Structure formats: C-alpha cells, structure tokens
PDB file of N, CA and C in Angstrom:
ATOM      1  N   MET A   1      53.852-235.383  76.460  1.00  0.00           N
ATOM      2  CA  MET A   1      53.724-234.295  75.513  1.00  0.00           C
ATOM      3  C   MET A   1      55.032-234.116  74.767  1.00  0.00           C
ATOM      4  N   ALA A   2      54.899-233.875  73.477  1.00  0.00           N
ATOM      5  CA  ALA A   2      56.072-233.688  72.635  1.00  0.00           C
ATOM      6  C   ALA A   2      56.805-232.398  72.983  1.00  0.00           C
ATOM      7  N   ILE A   3      56.066-231.408  73.428  1.00  0.00           N
ATOM      8  CA  ILE A   3      56.697-230.124  73.745  1.00  0.00           C
ATOM      9  C   ILE A   3      57.620-230.274  74.943  1.00  0.00           C
ATOM     10  N   LEU A   4      57.207-231.024  75.947  1.00  0.00           N
ATOM     11  CA  LEU A   4      58.061-231.241  77.112  1.00  0.00           C
ATOM     12  C   LEU A   4      59.321-232.013  76.729  1.00  0.00           C
ATOM     13  N   ARG A   5      59.180-232.972  75.839  1.00  0.00           N
ATOM     14  CA  ARG A   5      60.336-233.743  75.381  1.00  0.00           C
ATOM     15  C   ARG A   5      61.301-232.814  74.647  1.00  0.00           C
ATOM     16  N   ASN A   6      60.775-231.956  73.776  1.00  0.00           N
ATOM     17  CA  ASN A   6      61.623-231.000  73.065  1.00  0.00           C
ATOM     18  C   ASN A   6      62.294-230.047  74.039  1.00  0.00           C
ATOM     19  N   LEU A   7      61.571-229.665  75.071  1.00  0.00           N
ATOM     20  CA  LEU A   7      62.135-228.768  76.072  1.00  0.00           C
ATOM     21  C   LEU A   7      63.336-229.417  76.762  1.00  0.00           C
ATOM     22  N   LYS A   8      63.205-230.681  77.123  1.00  0.00           N
ATOM     23  CA  LYS A   8      64.312-231.397  77.754  1.00  0.00           C
ATOM     24  C   LYS A   8      65.503-231.494  76.814  1.00  0.00           C
ATOM     25  N   ILE A   9      65.238-231.804  75.547  1.00  0.00           N
ATOM     26  CA  ILE A   9      66.314-231.935  74.562  1.00  0.00           C
ATOM     27  C   ILE A   9      67.035-230.605  74.380  1.00  0.00           C
ATOM     28  N   LYS A  10      66.274-229.545  74.199  1.00  0.00           N
ATOM     29  CA  LYS A  10      66.881-228.233  73.951  1.00  0.00           C
ATOM     30  C   LYS A  10      67.609-227.710  75.187  1.00  0.00           C
ATOM     31  N   THR A  11      67.103-228.014  76.367  1.00  0.00           N
ATOM     32  CA  THR A  11      67.805-227.632  77.597  1.00  0.00           C
ATOM     33  C   THR A  11      69.122-228.389  77.704  1.00  0.00           C
ATOM     34  N   GLY A  12      69.094-229.668  77.391  1.00  0.00           N
ATOM     35  CA  GLY A  12      70.316-230.475  77.406  1.00  0.00           C
ATOM     36  C   GLY A  12      71.336-229.974  76.401  1.00  0.00           C
ATOM     37  N   THR A  13      70.855-229.559  75.225  1.00  0.00           N
ATOM     38  CA  THR A  13      71.745-229.022  74.210  1.00  0.00           C
ATOM     39  C   THR A  13      72.428-227.758  74.705  1.00  0.00           C
ATOM     40  N   CYS A  14      71.674-226.868  75.320  1.00  0.00           N
ATOM     41  CA  CYS A  14      72.254-225.627  75.852  1.00  0.00           C
ATOM     42  C   CYS A  14      73.281-225.930  76.937  1.00  0.00           C
ATOM     43  N   LYS A  15      72.979-226.874  77.808  1.00  0.00           N
ATOM     44  CA  LYS A  15      73.922-227.244  78.862  1.00  0.00           C
ATOM     45  C   LYS A  15      75.210-227.803  78.264  1.00  0.00           C
ATOM     46  N   ARG A  16      75.062-228.666  77.260  1.00  0.00           N
ATOM     47  CA  ARG A  16      76.234-229.289  76.632  1.00  0.00           C
ATOM     48  C   ARG A  16      77.106-228.241  75.958  1.00  0.00           C
ATOM     49  N   ILE A  17      76.488-227.323  75.219  1.00  0.00           N
ATOM     50  CA  ILE A  17      77.264-226.297  74.517  1.00  0.00           C
ATOM     51  C   ILE A  17      77.945-225.372  75.525  1.00  0.00           C
ATOM     52  N   LEU A  18      77.269-225.045  76.605  1.00  0.00           N
ATOM     53  CA  LEU A  18      77.871-224.207  77.640  1.00  0.00           C
ATOM     54  C   LEU A  18      79.068-224.921  78.270  1.00  0.00           C
ATOM     55  N   LYS A  19      78.928-226.215  78.480  1.00  0.00           N
ATOM     56  CA  LYS A  19      80.036-227.002  79.024  1.00  0.00           C
ATOM     57  C   LYS A  19      81.215-227.006  78.043  1.00  0.00           C
ATOM     58  N   GLU A  20      80.934-227.162  76.751  1.00  0.00           N
ATOM     59  CA  GLU A  20      81.981-227.104  75.734  1.00  0.00           C
ATOM     60  C   GLU A  20      82.673-225.749  75.739  1.00  0.00           C
ATOM     61  N   LEU A  21      81.883-224.683  75.862  1.00  0.00           N
ATOM     62  CA  LEU A  21      82.434-223.332  75.881  1.00  0.00           C
ATOM     63  C   LEU A  21      83.412-223.160  77.038  1.00  0.00           C
ATOM     64  N   HIS A  22      83.012-223.611  78.221  1.00  0.00           N
ATOM     65  CA  HIS A  22      83.910-223.517  79.378  1.00  0.00           C
ATOM     66  C   HIS A  22      85.165-224.357  79.169  1.00  0.00           C
ATOM     67  N   SER A  23      84.997-225.499  78.552  1.00  0.00           N
ATOM     68  CA  SER A  23      86.128-226.371  78.280  1.00  0.00           C
ATOM     69  C   SER A  23      87.112-225.693  77.319  1.00  0.00           C
ATOM     70  N   TYR A  24      86.594-225.081  76.261  1.00  0.00           N
ATOM     71  CA  TYR A  24      87.470-224.385  75.312  1.00  0.00           C
ATOM     72  C   TYR A  24      88.152-223.185  75.957  1.00  0.00           C
ATOM     73  N   GLU A  25      87.445-222.484  76.835  1.00  0.00           N
ATOM     74  CA  GLU A  25      88.069-221.354  77.526  1.00  0.00           C
ATOM     75  C   GLU A  25      89.218-221.823  78.413  1.00  0.00           C
ATOM     76  N   LYS A  26      89.034-222.944  79.104  1.00  0.00           N
ATOM     77  CA  LYS A  26      90.113-223.504  79.915  1.00  0.00           C
ATOM     78  C   LYS A  26      91.273-223.953  79.031  1.00  0.00           C
ATOM     79  N   GLU A  27      90.915-224.561  77.901  1.00  0.00           N
ATOM     80  CA  GLU A  27      91.943-225.035  76.979  1.00  0.00           C
ATOM     81  C   GLU A  27      92.770-223.865  76.452  1.00  0.00           C
ATOM     82  N   VAL A  28      92.115-222.766  76.103  1.00  0.00           N
ATOM     83  CA  VAL A  28      92.836-221.589  75.615  1.00  0.00           C
ATOM     84  C   VAL A  28      93.780-221.075  76.698  1.00  0.00           C
ATOM     85  N   GLU A  29      93.290-221.039  77.921  1.00  0.00           N
ATOM     86  CA  GLU A  29      94.119-220.579  79.039  1.00  0.00           C
ATOM     87  C   GLU A  29      95.344-221.471  79.213  1.00  0.00           C
ATOM     88  N   ASN A  30      95.128-222.791  79.173  1.00  0.00           N
ATOM     89  CA  ASN A  30      96.241-223.734  79.341  1.00  0.00           C
ATOM     90  C   ASN A  30      97.223-223.654  78.171  1.00  0.00           C
ATOM     91  N   GLU A  31      96.689-223.571  76.961  1.00  0.00           N
ATOM     92  CA  GLU A  31      97.561-223.515  75.781  1.00  0.00           C
ATOM     93  C   GLU A  31      98.345-222.206  75.740  1.00  0.00           C
ATOM     94  N   ALA A  32      97.723-221.114  76.179  1.00  0.00           N
ATOM     95  CA  ALA A  32      98.430-219.830  76.219  1.00  0.00           C
ATOM     96  C   ALA A  32      99.577-219.893  77.227  1.00  0.00           C
ATOM     97  N   LYS A  33      99.307-220.529  78.355  1.00  0.00           N
ATOM     98  CA  LYS A  33     100.356-220.685  79.364  1.00  0.00           C
ATOM     99  C   LYS A  33     101.494-221.552  78.815  1.00  0.00           C
ATOM    100  N   LYS A  34     101.110-222.616  78.142  1.00  0.00           N
ATOM    101  CA  LYS A  34     102.112-223.523  77.573  1.00  0.00           C
ATOM    102  C   LYS A  34     102.940-222.817  76.498  1.00  0.00           C
ATOM    103  N   THR A  35     102.291-222.001  75.676  1.00  0.00           N
ATOM    104  CA  THR A  35     102.997-221.246  74.634  1.00  0.00           C
ATOM    105  C   THR A  35     103.963-220.246  75.265  1.00  0.00           C
ATOM    106  N   ALA A  36     103.501-219.559  76.299  1.00  0.00           N
ATOM    107  CA  ALA A  36     104.371-218.589  76.983  1.00  0.00           C
ATOM    108  C   ALA A  36     105.575-219.298  77.608  1.00  0.00           C
ATOM    109  N   ASP A  37     105.353-220.464  78.196  1.00  0.00           N
ATOM    110  CA  ASP A  37     106.456-221.235  78.778  1.00  0.00           C
ATOM    111  C   ASP A  37     107.453-221.657  77.703  1.00  0.00           C
ATOM    112  N   MET A  38     106.936-222.061  76.534  1.00  0.00           N
ATOM    113  CA  MET A  38     107.817-222.474  75.438  1.00  0.00           C
ATOM    114  C   MET A  38     108.648-221.291  74.942  1.00  0.00           C
ATOM    115  N   LYS A  39     108.033-220.106  74.862  1.00  0.00           N
ATOM    116  CA  LYS A  39     108.771-218.918  74.435  1.00  0.00           C
ATOM    117  C   LYS A  39     109.858-218.568  75.443  1.00  0.00           C
ATOM    118  N   ASP A  40     109.516-218.667  76.730  1.00  0.00           N
ATOM    119  CA  ASP A  40     110.474-218.334  77.787  1.00  0.00           C
ATOM    120  C   ASP A  40     111.646-219.300  77.826  1.00  0.00           C
ATOM    121  N   SER A  41     111.366-220.565  77.542  1.00  0.00           N
ATOM    122  CA  SER A  41     112.431-221.566  77.613  1.00  0.00           C
ATOM    123  C   SER A  41     113.229-221.644  76.319  1.00  0.00           C
ATOM    124  N   GLY A  42     112.831-220.896  75.290  1.00  0.00           N
ATOM    125  CA  GLY A  42     113.574-220.897  74.023  1.00  0.00           C
ATOM    126  C   GLY A  42     113.401-222.199  73.266  1.00  0.00           C
ATOM    127  N   ALA A  43     112.190-222.658  73.135  1.00  0.00           N
ATOM    128  CA  ALA A  43     111.903-223.921  72.450  1.00  0.00           C
ATOM    129  C   ALA A  43     112.170-223.786  70.950  1.00  0.00           C
ATOM    130  N   ASP A  44     112.219-224.921  70.308  1.00  0.00           N
ATOM    131  CA  ASP A  44     112.442-224.988  68.863  1.00  0.00           C
ATOM    132  C   ASP A  44     111.373-224.153  68.156  1.00  0.00           C
ATOM    133  N   PRO A  45     111.750-223.325  67.157  1.00  0.00           N
ATOM    134  CA  PRO A  45     110.767-222.471  66.469  1.00  0.00           C
ATOM    135  C   PRO A  45     109.629-223.260  65.817  1.00  0.00           C
ATOM    136  N   TYR A  46     109.943-224.451  65.297  1.00  0.00           N
ATOM    137  CA  TYR A  46     108.904-225.275  64.674  1.00  0.00           C
ATOM    138  C   TYR A  46     107.865-225.707  65.726  1.00  0.00           C
ATOM    139  N   ASP A  47     108.365-226.184  66.872  1.00  0.00           N
ATOM    140  CA  ASP A  47     107.460-226.607  67.950  1.00  0.00           C
ATOM    141  C   ASP A  47     106.643-225.423  68.458  1.00  0.00           C
ATOM    142  N   LEU A  48     107.288-224.252  68.556  1.00  0.00           N
ATOM    143  CA  LEU A  48     106.587-223.051  69.012  1.00  0.00           C
ATOM    144  C   LEU A  48     105.484-222.671  68.027  1.00  0.00           C
ATOM    145  N   LYS A  49     105.807-222.757  66.725  1.00  0.00           N
ATOM    146  CA  LYS A  49     104.808-222.439  65.698  1.00  0.00           C
ATOM    147  C   LYS A  49     103.627-223.408  65.779  1.00  0.00           C
ATOM    148  N   GLN A  50     103.912-224.696  65.990  1.00  0.00           N
ATOM    149  CA  GLN A  50     102.845-225.684  66.116  1.00  0.00           C
ATOM    150  C   GLN A  50     101.973-225.401  67.347  1.00  0.00           C
ATOM    151  N   GLN A  51     102.625-225.021  68.434  1.00  0.00           N
ATOM    152  CA  GLN A  51     101.874-224.698  69.655  1.00  0.00           C
ATOM    153  C   GLN A  51     100.998-223.467  69.436  1.00  0.00           C
ATOM    154  N   GLU A  52     101.509-222.477  68.703  1.00  0.00           N
ATOM    155  CA  GLU A  52     100.701-221.286  68.402  1.00  0.00           C
ATOM    156  C   GLU A  52      99.511-221.646  67.522  1.00  0.00           C
ATOM    157  N   ASN A  53      99.693-222.606  66.613  1.00  0.00           N
ATOM    158  CA  ASN A  53      98.570-223.072  65.783  1.00  0.00           C
ATOM    159  C   ASN A  53      97.498-223.755  66.639  1.00  0.00           C
ATOM    160  N   VAL A  54      97.942-224.554  67.599  1.00  0.00           N
ATOM    161  CA  VAL A  54      96.999-225.217  68.512  1.00  0.00           C
ATOM    162  C   VAL A  54      96.216-224.159  69.297  1.00  0.00           C
ATOM    163  N   LEU A  55      96.934-223.141  69.777  1.00  0.00           N
ATOM    164  CA  LEU A  55      96.289-222.055  70.518  1.00  0.00           C
ATOM    165  C   LEU A  55      95.292-221.306  69.636  1.00  0.00           C
ATOM    166  N   ALA A  56      95.662-221.055  68.383  1.00  0.00           N
ATOM    167  CA  ALA A  56      94.764-220.344  67.459  1.00  0.00           C
ATOM    168  C   ALA A  56      93.502-221.163  67.189  1.00  0.00           C
ATOM    169  N   GLU A  57      93.660-222.463  67.013  1.00  0.00           N
ATOM    170  CA  GLU A  57      92.488-223.320  66.786  1.00  0.00           C
ATOM    171  C   GLU A  57      91.561-223.317  67.993  1.00  0.00           C
ATOM    172  N   SER A  58      92.138-223.361  69.179  1.00  0.00           N
ATOM    173  CA  SER A  58      91.320-223.328  70.393  1.00  0.00           C
ATOM    174  C   SER A  58      90.575-222.005  70.499  1.00  0.00           C
ATOM    175  N   ARG A  59      91.244-220.916  70.154  1.00  0.00           N
ATOM    176  CA  ARG A  59      90.597-219.602  70.206  1.00  0.00           C
ATOM    177  C   ARG A  59      89.474-219.485  69.175  1.00  0.00           C
ATOM    178  N   MET A  60      89.610-220.146  68.035  1.00  0.00           N
ATOM    179  CA  MET A  60      88.573-220.088  66.996  1.00  0.00           C
ATOM    180  C   MET A  60      87.307-220.817  67.426  1.00  0.00           C
ATOM    181  N   MET A  61      87.431-221.770  68.328  1.00  0.00           N
ATOM    182  CA  MET A  61      86.265-222.543  68.753  1.00  0.00           C
ATOM    183  C   MET A  61      85.349-221.748  69.684  1.00  0.00           C
ATOM    184  N   ILE A  62      85.878-220.752  70.369  1.00  0.00           N
ATOM    185  CA  ILE A  62      85.071-219.986  71.319  1.00  0.00           C
ATOM    186  C   ILE A  62      83.959-219.202  70.608  1.00  0.00           C
ATOM    187  N   PRO A  63      84.260-218.434  69.532  1.00  0.00           N
ATOM    188  CA  PRO A  63      83.143-217.747  68.844  1.00  0.00           C
ATOM    189  C   PRO A  63      82.131-218.724  68.233  1.00  0.00           C
ATOM    190  N   ASP A  64      82.626-219.874  67.764  1.00  0.00           N
ATOM    191  CA  ASP A  64      81.717-220.884  67.215  1.00  0.00           C
ATOM    192  C   ASP A  64      80.769-221.390  68.299  1.00  0.00           C
ATOM    193  N   CYS A  65      81.294-221.630  69.491  1.00  0.00           N
ATOM    194  CA  CYS A  65      80.442-222.066  70.605  1.00  0.00           C
ATOM    195  C   CYS A  65      79.426-220.989  70.969  1.00  0.00           C
ATOM    196  N   HIS A  66      79.857-219.725  70.937  1.00  0.00           N
ATOM    197  CA  HIS A  66      78.922-218.638  71.241  1.00  0.00           C
ATOM    198  C   HIS A  66      77.774-218.609  70.229  1.00  0.00           C
ATOM    199  N   LYS A  67      78.100-218.795  68.947  1.00  0.00           N
ATOM    200  CA  LYS A  67      77.052-218.804  67.913  1.00  0.00           C
ATOM    201  C   LYS A  67      76.090-219.964  68.125  1.00  0.00           C
ATOM    202  N   ARG A  68      76.641-221.141  68.400  1.00  0.00           N
ATOM    203  CA  ARG A  68      75.784-222.314  68.615  1.00  0.00           C
ATOM    204  C   ARG A  68      74.939-222.150  69.872  1.00  0.00           C
ATOM    205  N   LEU A  69      75.527-221.544  70.911  1.00  0.00           N
ATOM    206  CA  LEU A  69      74.782-221.324  72.146  1.00  0.00           C
ATOM    207  C   LEU A  69      73.652-220.323  71.920  1.00  0.00           C
ATOM    208  N   ASP A  70      73.920-219.251  71.178  1.00  0.00           N
ATOM    209  CA  ASP A  70      72.868-218.282  70.873  1.00  0.00           C
ATOM    210  C   ASP A  70      71.734-218.934  70.090  1.00  0.00           C
ATOM    211  N   SER A  71      72.091-219.764  69.122  1.00  0.00           N
ATOM    212  CA  SER A  71      71.082-220.464  68.328  1.00  0.00           C
ATOM    213  C   SER A  71      70.263-221.421  69.196  1.00  0.00           C
ATOM    214  N   SER A  72      70.937-222.148  70.056  1.00  0.00           N
ATOM    215  CA  SER A  72      70.240-223.090  70.936  1.00  0.00           C
ATOM    216  C   SER A  72      69.339-222.368  71.929  1.00  0.00           C
ATOM    217  N   LEU A  73      69.803-221.237  72.433  1.00  0.00           N
ATOM    218  CA  LEU A  73      68.977-220.465  73.361  1.00  0.00           C
ATOM    219  C   LEU A  73      67.735-219.922  72.659  1.00  0.00           C
ATOM    220  N   ALA A  74      67.897-219.502  71.400  1.00  0.00           N
ATOM    221  CA  ALA A  74      66.732-219.022  70.647  1.00  0.00           C
ATOM    222  C   ALA A  74      65.724-220.159  70.451  1.00  0.00           C
ATOM    223  N   ASP A  75      66.223-221.362  70.131  1.00  0.00           N
ATOM    224  CA  ASP A  75      65.338-222.522  69.994  1.00  0.00           C
ATOM    225  C   ASP A  75      64.637-222.837  71.316  1.00  0.00           C
ATOM    226  N   LEU A  76      65.391-222.749  72.410  1.00  0.00           N
ATOM    227  CA  LEU A  76      64.827-223.023  73.728  1.00  0.00           C
ATOM    228  C   LEU A  76      63.745-222.003  74.077  1.00  0.00           C
ATOM    229  N   LYS A  77      63.983-220.738  73.778  1.00  0.00           N
ATOM    230  CA  LYS A  77      62.976-219.708  74.040  1.00  0.00           C
ATOM    231  C   LYS A  77      61.723-219.955  73.203  1.00  0.00           C
ATOM    232  N   GLY A  78      61.903-220.390  71.950  1.00  0.00           N
ATOM    233  CA  GLY A  78      60.747-220.720  71.113  1.00  0.00           C
ATOM    234  C   GLY A  78      59.950-221.875  71.686  1.00  0.00           C
ATOM    235  N   THR A  79      60.649-222.885  72.177  1.00  0.00           N
ATOM    236  CA  THR A  79      59.976-224.032  72.783  1.00  0.00           C
ATOM    237  C   THR A  79      59.242-223.620  74.056  1.00  0.00           C
ATOM    238  N   LEU A  80      59.854-222.736  74.845  1.00  0.00           N
ATOM    239  CA  LEU A  80      59.183-222.241  76.046  1.00  0.00           C
ATOM    240  C   LEU A  80      57.920-221.466  75.686  1.00  0.00           C
ATOM    241  N   ALA A  81      57.982-220.689  74.604  1.00  0.00           N
ATOM    242  CA  ALA A  81      56.797-219.958  74.157  1.00  0.00           C
ATOM    243  C   ALA A  81      55.702-220.932  73.726  1.00  0.00           C
ATOM    244  N   GLU A  82      56.096-221.996  73.012  1.00  0.00           N
ATOM    245  CA  GLU A  82      55.127-223.017  72.604  1.00  0.00           C
ATOM    246  C   GLU A  82      54.504-223.681  73.829  1.00  0.00           C
ATOM    247  N   LEU A  83      55.345-223.969  74.820  1.00  0.00           N
ATOM    248  CA  LEU A  83      54.852-224.604  76.039  1.00  0.00           C
ATOM    249  C   LEU A  83      53.879-223.695  76.764  1.00  0.00           C
ATOM    250  N   LYS A  84      54.196-222.421  76.824  1.00  0.00           N
ATOM    251  CA  LYS A  84      53.307-221.468  77.489  1.00  0.00           C
ATOM    252  C   LYS A  84      51.971-221.401  76.754  1.00  0.00           C
ATOM    253  N   GLU A  85      52.041-221.351  75.424  1.00  0.00           N
ATOM    254  CA  GLU A  85      50.818-221.292  74.618  1.00  0.00           C
ATOM    255  C   GLU A  85      50.003-222.566  74.795  1.00  0.00           C
ATOM    256  N   ALA A  86      50.690-223.713  74.779  1.00  0.00           N
ATOM    257  CA  ALA A  86      49.987-224.990  74.948  1.00  0.00           C
ATOM    258  C   ALA A  86      49.385-225.076  76.344  1.00  0.00           C
ATOM    259  N   ASP A  87      50.114-224.586  77.333  1.00  0.00           N
ATOM    260  CA  ASP A  87      49.612-224.603  78.708  1.00  0.00           C
ATOM    261  C   ASP A  87      48.366-223.734  78.835  1.00  0.00           C
ATOM    262  N   GLU A  88      48.391-222.576  78.182  1.00  0.00           N
ATOM    263  CA  GLU A  88      47.216-221.713  78.214  1.00  0.00           C
ATOM    264  C   GLU A  88      46.032-222.380  77.531  1.00  0.00           C
ATOM    265  N   GLN A  89      46.303-223.056  76.399  1.00  0.00           N
ATOM    266  CA  GLN A  89      45.218-223.739  75.692  1.00  0.00           C
ATOM    267  C   GLN A  89      44.664-224.877  76.533  1.00  0.00           C
ATOM    268  N   VAL A  90      45.554-225.625  77.183  1.00  0.00           N
ATOM    269  CA  VAL A  90      45.111-226.727  78.030  1.00  0.00           C
ATOM    270  C   VAL A  90      44.307-226.179  79.200  1.00  0.00           C
ATOM    271  N   SER A  91      44.788-225.092  79.793  1.00  0.00           N
ATOM    272  CA  SER A  91      44.064-224.482  80.912  1.00  0.00           C
ATOM    273  C   SER A  91      42.685-224.023  80.479  1.00  0.00           C
ATOM    274  N   LEU A  92      42.607-223.390  79.301  1.00  0.00           N
ATOM    275  CA  LEU A  92      41.309-222.939  78.805  1.00  0.00           C
ATOM    276  C   LEU A  92      40.376-224.109  78.548  1.00  0.00           C
ATOM    277  N   SER A  93      40.905-225.187  77.961  1.00  0.00           N
ATOM    278  CA  SER A  93      40.047-226.338  77.687  1.00  0.00           C
ATOM    279  C   SER A  93      39.579-226.983  78.994  1.00  0.00           C
ATOM    280  N   ILE A  94      40.436-227.018  80.006  1.00  0.00           N
ATOM    281  CA  ILE A  94      40.034-227.571  81.305  1.00  0.00           C
ATOM    282  C   ILE A  94      38.954-226.706  81.932  1.00  0.00           C
ATOM    283  N   ILE A  95      39.135-225.395  81.853  1.00  0.00           N
ATOM    284  CA  ILE A  95      38.129-224.479  82.413  1.00  0.00           C
ATOM    285  C   ILE A  95      36.804-224.653  81.683  1.00  0.00           C
ATOM    286  N   ARG A  96      36.850-224.722  80.356  1.00  0.00           N
ATOM    287  CA  ARG A  96      35.613-224.909  79.579  1.00  0.00           C
ATOM    288  C   ARG A  96      34.939-226.226  79.943  1.00  0.00           C
ATOM    289  N   LYS A  97      35.746-227.267  80.091  1.00  0.00           N
ATOM    290  CA  LYS A  97      35.194-228.577  80.437  1.00  0.00           C
ATOM    291  C   LYS A  97      34.535-228.528  81.817  1.00  0.00           C
ATOM    292  N   ASN A  98      35.205-227.900  82.773  1.00  0.00           N
ATOM    293  CA  ASN A  98      34.629-227.783  84.116  1.00  0.00           C
ATOM    294  C   ASN A  98      33.338-226.976  84.101  1.00  0.00           C
ATOM    295  N   ILE A  99      33.312-225.909  83.332  1.00  0.00           N
ATOM    296  CA  ILE A  99      32.093-225.095  83.239  1.00  0.00           C
ATOM    297  C   ILE A  99      30.967-225.921  82.630  1.00  0.00           C
ATOM    298  N   ARG A 100      31.282-226.667  81.566  1.00  0.00           N
ATOM    299  CA  ARG A 100      30.261-227.487  80.922  1.00  0.00           C
ATOM    300  C   ARG A 100      29.734-228.549  81.884  1.00  0.00           C
ATOM    301  N   ILE A 101      30.639-229.198  82.617  1.00  0.00           N
ATOM    302  CA  ILE A 101      30.228-230.237  83.572  1.00  0.00           C
ATOM    303  C   ILE A 101      29.368-229.629  84.670  1.00  0.00           C
ATOM    304  N   ARG A 102      29.780-228.488  85.178  1.00  0.00           N
ATOM    305  CA  ARG A 102      29.004-227.843  86.243  1.00  0.00           C
ATOM    306  C   ARG A 102      27.640-227.390  85.748  1.00  0.00           C
ATOM    307  N   SER A 103      27.599-226.842  84.535  1.00  0.00           N
ATOM    308  CA  SER A 103      26.297-226.395  84.025  1.00  0.00           C
ATOM    309  C   SER A 103      25.377-227.582  83.780  1.00  0.00           C
ATOM    310  N   GLU A 104      25.930-228.705  83.301  1.00  0.00           N
ATOM    311  CA  GLU A 104      25.120-229.903  83.122  1.00  0.00           C
ATOM    312  C   GLU A 104      24.626-230.412  84.474  1.00  0.00           C
ATOM    313  N   SER A 105      25.498-230.357  85.459  1.00  0.00           N
ATOM    314  CA  SER A 105      25.124-230.807  86.796  1.00  0.00           C
ATOM    315  C   SER A 105      24.033-229.923  87.383  1.00  0.00           C
ATOM    316  N   VAL A 106      24.163-228.638  87.195  1.00  0.00           N
ATOM    317  CA  VAL A 106      23.155-227.709  87.715  1.00  0.00           C
ATOM    318  C   VAL A 106      21.823-227.946  87.020  1.00  0.00           C
ATOM    319  N   SER A 107      21.854-228.141  85.701  1.00  0.00           N
ATOM    320  CA  SER A 107      20.591-228.348  84.986  1.00  0.00           C
ATOM    321  C   SER A 107      19.953-229.677  85.384  1.00  0.00           C
ATOM    322  N   GLU A 108      20.766-230.714  85.606  1.00  0.00           N
ATOM    323  CA  GLU A 108      20.214-231.984  86.063  1.00  0.00           C
ATOM    324  C   GLU A 108      19.599-231.839  87.449  1.00  0.00           C
ATOM    325  N   ASN A 109      20.290-231.130  88.314  1.00  0.00           N
ATOM    326  CA  ASN A 109      19.762-230.921  89.666  1.00  0.00           C
ATOM    327  C   ASN A 109      18.492-230.079  89.634  1.00  0.00           C
ATOM    328  N   ALA A 110      18.460-229.126  88.739  1.00  0.00           N
ATOM    329  CA  ALA A 110      17.262-228.274  88.647  1.00  0.00           C
ATOM    330  C   ALA A 110      16.067-229.097  88.194  1.00  0.00           C
ATOM    331  N   GLU A 111      16.289-230.061  87.319  1.00  0.00           N
ATOM    332  CA  GLU A 111      15.191-230.895  86.858  1.00  0.00           C
ATOM    333  C   GLU A 111      14.708-231.826  87.966  1.00  0.00           C
ATOM    334  N   ASN A 112      15.601-232.235  88.835  1.00  0.00           N
ATOM    335  CA  ASN A 112      15.264-233.189  89.885  1.00  0.00           C
ATOM    336  C   ASN A 112      14.688-232.522  91.136  1.00  0.00           C
ATOM    337  N   ILE A 113      14.736-231.234  91.200  1.00  0.00           N
ATOM    338  CA  ILE A 113      14.219-230.544  92.384  1.00  0.00           C
ATOM    339  C   ILE A 113      12.697-230.529  92.304  1.00  0.00           C
ATOM    340  N   ARG A 114      12.072-230.947  93.376  1.00  0.00           N
ATOM    341  CA  ARG A 114      10.615-230.913  93.452  1.00  0.00           C
ATOM    342  C   ARG A 114      10.264-229.880  94.512  1.00  0.00           C
ATOM    343  N   TYR A 115       9.590-228.916  94.037  1.00  0.00           N
ATOM    344  CA  TYR A 115       9.209-227.856  94.966  1.00  0.00           C
ATOM    345  C   TYR A 115       8.018-228.322  95.788  1.00  0.00           C
ATOM    346  N   PRO A 116       8.078-228.110  97.074  1.00  0.00           N
ATOM    347  CA  PRO A 116       6.943-228.547  97.912  1.00  0.00           C
ATOM    348  C   PRO A 116       5.737-227.652  97.669  1.00  0.00           C
ATOM    349  N   LYS A 117       4.621-228.208  97.973  1.00  0.00           N
ATOM    350  CA  LYS A 117       3.406-227.404  97.876  1.00  0.00           C
ATOM    351  C   LYS A 117       3.491-226.304  98.908  1.00  0.00           C
ATOM    352  N   ASN A 118       2.778-225.263  98.641  1.00  0.00           N
ATOM    353  CA  ASN A 118       2.852-224.116  99.519  1.00  0.00           C
ATOM    354  C   ASN A 118       2.331-224.509 100.908  1.00  0.00           C
ATOM    355  N   PRO A 119       3.196-224.443 101.921  1.00  0.00           N
ATOM    356  CA  PRO A 119       2.739-224.854 103.252  1.00  0.00           C
ATOM    357  C   PRO A 119       1.798-223.833 103.872  1.00  0.00           C
ATOM    358  N   TYR A 120       1.759-222.644 103.388  1.00  0.00           N
ATOM    359  CA  TYR A 120       0.879-221.613 103.912  1.00  0.00           C
ATOM    360  C   TYR A 120      -0.064-221.148 102.806  1.00  0.00           C
ATOM    361  N   PRO A 121      -1.030-221.956 102.495  1.00  0.00           N
ATOM    362  CA  PRO A 121      -1.901-221.538 101.400  1.00  0.00           C
ATOM    363  C   PRO A 121      -2.760-220.359 101.798  1.00  0.00           C
ATOM    364  N   TYR A 122      -3.041-219.584 100.806  1.00  0.00           N
ATOM    365  CA  TYR A 122      -3.922-218.428 101.041  1.00  0.00           C
ATOM    366  C   TYR A 122      -5.328-218.954 101.311  1.00  0.00           C
ATOM    367  N   PRO A 123      -6.002-218.335 102.186  1.00  0.00           N
ATOM    368  CA  PRO A 123      -7.373-218.795 102.431  1.00  0.00           C
ATOM    369  C   PRO A 123      -8.243-218.502 101.202  1.00  0.00           C
ATOM    370  N   LYS A 124      -9.066-219.431 100.929  1.00  0.00           N
ATOM    371  CA  LYS A 124      -9.955-219.270  99.782  1.00  0.00           C
ATOM    372  C   LYS A 124     -11.062-218.334 100.160  1.00  0.00           C
ATOM    373  N   LYS A 125     -11.462-217.556  99.271  1.00  0.00           N
ATOM    374  CA  LYS A 125     -12.548-216.599  99.530  1.00  0.00           C
ATOM    375  C   LYS A 125     -13.813-217.106  98.986  1.00  0.00           C
TER     376      LYS A 125
END
C-alpha cells in the first residue's frame, strides 16, 4: 500500500529532523563553551568574533529545525488520518464481502435442503 510507504517515509523524516535538532542543540552547547573559554583566555578579537558568528549560525538552525519538525509532524498526522480512513474502508469492504459470501452460502444451503415428508401424518378422515 502506498499509504504505508508514505507513513514509513514521513516517520523517517521526523526521526531525521529530530536527530538534527539534538545535534544542533549539542553544537550550540559546545560552541558556547568554546566561546566562553576563548573570552576567558583573552583570545584574539578577530578569532572571538568568528567564534561568535559560528555560535550565532548554530543558534539560528534550532528554530529552523523546529519549523521543519512541526511541518513534518503535520504531514505525518495527515498520513495517519489517511491510513485510519483507508483501514476503515478496507474493514468495511471486508465485512460487506463476508456478509455477501455468507448470505450466498445460506441461500445455496436453503435451496439444497430437502425437507422430509411428515413422519406423523394426520389420519385421513
């Protein structure tokens, strides 16, 4: 089913974006620590400015990841809704098919039933 394939793809996308988000959060933490160390050690102002730019870029990626994750989650929820709807339709069609098969079977059996003659006939008058 195409819906299941889409579900796998969209789930993988959400996992990947979440992994990226955690990676950027770790990167921001590491870069902030590195920037603080550079400030404490009295590093060259140019190098410090470059490090602050790296930190700013890392911080800018976090809101972008949140937006992409929200979008991917919305797509995933839509796919889940489609899957639920398709599952209900499949279930209904299976139920209808089973009912039709059973009714055909009952009607065939009813035609094949031969009722015995009355074993206790009424006495003739």
